[in-house]
Amino acid sequence: MNPYAIKVMAEIGIDISHQRSKSIEEFRGKEFDYVVMVSNHAKETCPFFPGANFYLH
């Protein structure tokens, strides 16, 4: 986790310090209502999620 993200979220009372990056393999076979991409790079390289109803960029 990015230490700046942890600090900023802590400022508003949200503890993300125990979160971690996850492999796409952890999500194989699961359905999603939304897939949200947070950068142009992610939009270009993000894997396709079968069953996702909406993709947001």
Protein backbone atom coordinates (compact mmCIF):
# COMPACT_ATOMS: atom_id res chain seq x y z
CA MET A 1 0.00 0.00 0.00
CA ASN A 2 1.12 3.48 -0.75
CA PRO A 3 2.02 5.17 2.57
CA TYR A 4 0.46 8.44 1.39
CA ALA A 5 -2.85 6.68 0.69
CA ILE A 6 -2.77 5.15 4.18
CA LYS A 7 -2.09 8.58 5.73
CA VAL A 8 -4.80 10.41 3.80
CA MET A 9 -7.44 7.78 4.49
CA ALA A 10 -6.48 7.77 8.20
CA GLU A 11 -7.11 11.54 8.25
CA ILE A 12 -10.78 10.85 7.53
CA GLY A 13 -10.96 7.92 9.93
CA ILE A 14 -10.55 5.02 7.51
CA ASP A 15 -7.82 2.46 8.25
CA ILE A 16 -6.54 0.82 5.06
CA SER A 17 -3.15 -0.11 6.52
CA HIS A 18 -3.93 -3.83 6.41
CA GLN A 19 -5.11 -3.81 2.79
CA ARG A 20 -2.93 -5.30 0.04
CA SER A 21 -2.70 -5.52 -3.72
CA LYS A 22 -4.42 -8.60 -5.01
CA SER A 23 -3.79 -10.82 -8.00
CA ILE A 24 -6.46 -11.10 -10.64
CA GLU A 25 -6.37 -14.84 -9.96
CA GLU A 26 -8.14 -14.24 -6.64
CA PHE A 27 -11.17 -13.01 -8.56
CA ARG A 28 -11.46 -15.61 -11.34
CA GLY A 29 -15.00 -16.97 -11.57
CA LYS A 30 -16.56 -14.17 -9.52
CA GLU A 31 -19.14 -11.76 -10.89
CA PHE A 32 -18.99 -8.00 -10.47
CA ASP A 33 -21.61 -5.29 -10.78
CA TYR A 34 -18.98 -2.61 -11.43
CA VAL A 35 -15.34 -2.54 -12.52
CA VAL A 36 -13.73 0.84 -11.76
CA MET A 37 -10.46 1.85 -13.42
CA VAL A 38 -8.59 4.73 -11.84
CA SER A 39 -6.08 5.65 -14.55
CA ASN A 40 -5.62 5.57 -18.31
CA HIS A 41 -2.93 2.92 -17.85
CA ALA A 42 -5.36 0.74 -15.92
CA LYS A 43 -8.01 1.25 -18.59
CA GLU A 44 -5.58 0.09 -21.27
CA THR A 45 -4.13 -2.86 -19.33
CA CYS A 46 -7.00 -3.94 -17.06
CA PRO A 47 -8.12 -7.48 -17.72
CA PHE A 48 -11.63 -8.17 -18.91
CA PHE A 49 -14.00 -9.24 -16.13
CA PRO A 50 -16.69 -11.53 -17.55
CA GLY A 51 -20.06 -10.87 -15.99
CA ALA A 52 -19.32 -7.25 -15.03
CA ASN A 53 -22.37 -5.12 -15.69
CA PHE A 54 -20.60 -1.74 -15.86
CA TYR A 55 -17.09 -0.50 -16.49
CA LEU A 56 -16.31 2.98 -15.12
CA HIS A 57 -13.23 5.03 -15.89
